[in-house]
Amino acid sequence: KYVSELWRKKQSDALRFLFRVRAWEYRQGNRIVRLNHPSRPDKARTLGYKAKEGYVVYRVAVRRGNRKRPVARGIVHGKPKGQGVNQLKFARNLRSVAEE
């Protein structure tokens, strides 16, 4: 109960410090990391997590923002409609990309 109260006030000094430290740690590590326990136990419990065998938790870093078309030096061919490189929206959501 106390932990969930903390998470409601995201601008508090404690959480801002926690976010800053965790963001730095996450940047130093690998993109896919298996965790021993969830970083938010209260939220994980509400989503159905139980602390017993058979439940695994991973943290996956996913590229933020739009999808970039993989073309060499930005050279595209075809009609003007298909000329876009940068502002393409990915069809799948970030969760499905992370689970891939």
C-alpha atoms as a PDB file:
ATOM      1  CA  LYS A   1       0.000   0.000   0.000  1.00  0.00           C
ATOM      2  CA  TYR A   2       2.796   2.406   0.930  1.00  0.00           C
ATOM      3  CA  VAL A   3       4.723   1.588  -2.253  1.00  0.00           C
ATOM      4  CA  SER A   4       1.704   2.255  -4.468  1.00  0.00           C
ATOM      5  CA  GLU A   5       1.215   5.616  -2.690  1.00  0.00           C
ATOM      6  CA  LEU A   6       4.813   6.530  -3.542  1.00  0.00           C
ATOM      7  CA  TRP A   7       4.293   5.701  -7.220  1.00  0.00           C
ATOM      8  CA  ARG A   8       1.272   8.017  -7.421  1.00  0.00           C
ATOM      9  CA  LYS A   9       3.476  11.030  -6.633  1.00  0.00           C
ATOM     10  CA  LYS A  10       6.024  10.749  -9.433  1.00  0.00           C
ATOM     11  CA  GLN A  11       7.390  14.272  -8.907  1.00  0.00           C
ATOM     12  CA  SER A  12       8.437  13.599  -5.305  1.00  0.00           C
ATOM     13  CA  ASP A  13      12.139  13.863  -4.487  1.00  0.00           C
ATOM     14  CA  ALA A  14      12.471  10.158  -3.689  1.00  0.00           C
ATOM     15  CA  LEU A  15      10.981   8.970  -6.977  1.00  0.00           C
ATOM     16  CA  ARG A  16      12.795  11.559  -9.084  1.00  0.00           C
ATOM     17  CA  PHE A  17      16.074  10.396  -7.599  1.00  0.00           C
ATOM     18  CA  LEU A  18      15.098   6.739  -8.117  1.00  0.00           C
ATOM     19  CA  PHE A  19      14.194   7.382 -11.769  1.00  0.00           C
ATOM     20  CA  ARG A  20      17.491   9.170 -12.395  1.00  0.00           C
ATOM     21  CA  VAL A  21      19.583   6.412 -10.817  1.00  0.00           C
ATOM     22  CA  ARG A  22      17.671   3.619 -12.558  1.00  0.00           C
ATOM     23  CA  ALA A  23      17.837   5.339 -15.947  1.00  0.00           C
ATOM     24  CA  TRP A  24      21.615   5.581 -15.617  1.00  0.00           C
ATOM     25  CA  GLU A  25      21.869   1.908 -14.549  1.00  0.00           C
ATOM     26  CA  TYR A  26      19.660   0.758 -17.426  1.00  0.00           C
ATOM     27  CA  ARG A  27      21.786   2.663 -19.960  1.00  0.00           C
ATOM     28  CA  GLN A  28      24.963   0.970 -18.717  1.00  0.00           C
ATOM     29  CA  GLY A  29      23.547  -2.571 -18.922  1.00  0.00           C
ATOM     30  CA  ASN A  30      22.437  -4.776 -21.795  1.00  0.00           C
ATOM     31  CA  ARG A  31      19.263  -4.209 -23.783  1.00  0.00           C
ATOM     32  CA  ILE A  32      17.681  -7.452 -22.554  1.00  0.00           C
ATOM     33  CA  VAL A  33      18.095  -8.246 -18.853  1.00  0.00           C
ATOM     34  CA  ARG A  34      16.477 -10.962 -16.760  1.00  0.00           C
ATOM     35  CA  LEU A  35      15.380  -9.638 -13.369  1.00  0.00           C
ATOM     36  CA  ASN A  36      15.208 -11.549 -10.095  1.00  0.00           C
ATOM     37  CA  HIS A  37      12.067  -9.690  -9.075  1.00  0.00           C
ATOM     38  CA  PRO A  38       9.898  -6.950 -10.629  1.00  0.00           C
ATOM     39  CA  SER A  39      10.957  -3.337 -10.207  1.00  0.00           C
ATOM     40  CA  ARG A  40       7.352  -2.516  -9.236  1.00  0.00           C
ATOM     41  CA  PRO A  41       6.074  -5.430  -7.106  1.00  0.00           C
ATOM     42  CA  ASP A  42       2.684  -3.840  -6.370  1.00  0.00           C
ATOM     43  CA  LYS A  43       1.940  -3.204 -10.052  1.00  0.00           C
ATOM     44  CA  ALA A  44       3.201  -6.670 -11.031  1.00  0.00           C
ATOM     45  CA  ARG A  45       0.846  -8.284  -8.483  1.00  0.00           C
ATOM     46  CA  THR A  46      -2.150  -6.435  -9.886  1.00  0.00           C
ATOM     47  CA  LEU A  47      -1.175  -7.673 -13.361  1.00  0.00           C
ATOM     48  CA  GLY A  48      -1.090 -11.288 -12.134  1.00  0.00           C
ATOM     49  CA  TYR A  49       2.541 -11.846 -11.123  1.00  0.00           C
ATOM     50  CA  LYS A  50       3.237 -14.252  -8.270  1.00  0.00           C
ATOM     51  CA  ALA A  51       6.596 -14.758  -6.547  1.00  0.00           C
ATOM     52  CA  LYS A  52       6.961 -18.465  -7.272  1.00  0.00           C
ATOM     53  CA  GLU A  53       8.587 -20.797  -9.774  1.00  0.00           C
ATOM     54  CA  GLY A  54       7.508 -20.434 -13.379  1.00  0.00           C
ATOM     55  CA  TYR A  55       7.230 -16.638 -13.388  1.00  0.00           C
ATOM     56  CA  VAL A  56      10.095 -14.804 -15.073  1.00  0.00           C
ATOM     57  CA  VAL A  57      10.564 -11.058 -15.489  1.00  0.00           C
ATOM     58  CA  TYR A  58      12.667  -9.410 -18.186  1.00  0.00           C
ATOM     59  CA  ARG A  59      13.457  -5.767 -18.869  1.00  0.00           C
ATOM     60  CA  VAL A  60      13.838  -4.939 -22.565  1.00  0.00           C
ATOM     61  CA  ALA A  61      15.034  -1.621 -24.019  1.00  0.00           C
ATOM     62  CA  VAL A  62      13.075  -0.634 -27.126  1.00  0.00           C
ATOM     63  CA  ARG A  63      13.998   2.208 -29.479  1.00  0.00           C
ATOM     64  CA  ARG A  64      11.813   5.225 -28.802  1.00  0.00           C
ATOM     65  CA  GLY A  65       9.862   7.135 -31.402  1.00  0.00           C
ATOM     66  CA  ASN A  66       9.032   6.366 -35.009  1.00  0.00           C
ATOM     67  CA  ARG A  67      10.501   3.653 -37.175  1.00  0.00           C
ATOM     68  CA  LYS A  68      13.291   4.585 -39.582  1.00  0.00           C
ATOM     69  CA  ARG A  69      13.291   2.909 -42.986  1.00  0.00           C
ATOM     70  CA  PRO A  70      16.470   0.842 -43.445  1.00  0.00           C
ATOM     71  CA  VAL A  71      17.787   2.319 -46.718  1.00  0.00           C
ATOM     72  CA  ALA A  72      21.402   2.993 -47.629  1.00  0.00           C
ATOM     73  CA  ARG A  73      22.274   6.707 -47.302  1.00  0.00           C
ATOM     74  CA  GLY A  74      18.571   7.627 -47.334  1.00  0.00           C
ATOM     75  CA  ILE A  75      18.188   6.832 -51.046  1.00  0.00           C
ATOM     76  CA  VAL A  76      14.694   5.537 -51.817  1.00  0.00           C
ATOM     77  CA  HIS A  77      13.140   4.537 -55.116  1.00  0.00           C
ATOM     78  CA  GLY A  78       9.636   4.564 -56.509  1.00  0.00           C
ATOM     79  CA  LYS A  79       6.776   7.014 -56.375  1.00  0.00           C
ATOM     80  CA  PRO A  80       6.844  10.175 -54.264  1.00  0.00           C
ATOM     81  CA  LYS A  81       4.347   8.573 -51.873  1.00  0.00           C
ATOM     82  CA  GLY A  82       6.969   6.006 -50.862  1.00  0.00           C
ATOM     83  CA  GLN A  83       9.836   8.455 -50.410  1.00  0.00           C
ATOM     84  CA  GLY A  84       9.584   8.687 -46.622  1.00  0.00           C
ATOM     85  CA  VAL A  85      12.491   7.574 -44.435  1.00  0.00           C
ATOM     86  CA  ASN A  86      12.049   9.136 -40.995  1.00  0.00           C
ATOM     87  CA  GLN A  87       8.415   9.717 -40.089  1.00  0.00           C
ATOM     88  CA  LEU A  88       7.173   6.155 -40.580  1.00  0.00           C
ATOM     89  CA  LYS A  89       4.869   4.740 -37.890  1.00  0.00           C
ATOM     90  CA  PHE A  90       5.463   1.117 -36.890  1.00  0.00           C
ATOM     91  CA  ALA A  91       2.415  -1.134 -37.203  1.00  0.00           C
ATOM     92  CA  ARG A  92       3.023  -3.171 -34.017  1.00  0.00           C
ATOM     93  CA  ASN A  93       3.115  -1.841 -30.474  1.00  0.00           C
ATOM     94  CA  LEU A  94       6.252  -1.589 -28.324  1.00  0.00           C
ATOM     95  CA  ARG A  95       5.229  -4.543 -26.156  1.00  0.00           C
ATOM     96  CA  SER A  96       5.144  -6.924 -29.137  1.00  0.00           C
ATOM     97  CA  VAL A  97       8.525  -5.596 -30.301  1.00  0.00           C
ATOM     98  CA  ALA A  98      10.000  -6.214 -26.841  1.00  0.00           C
ATOM     99  CA  GLU A  99       8.596  -9.760 -26.671  1.00  0.00           C
ATOM    100  CA  GLU A 100      10.012 -10.618 -30.104  1.00  0.00           C
END
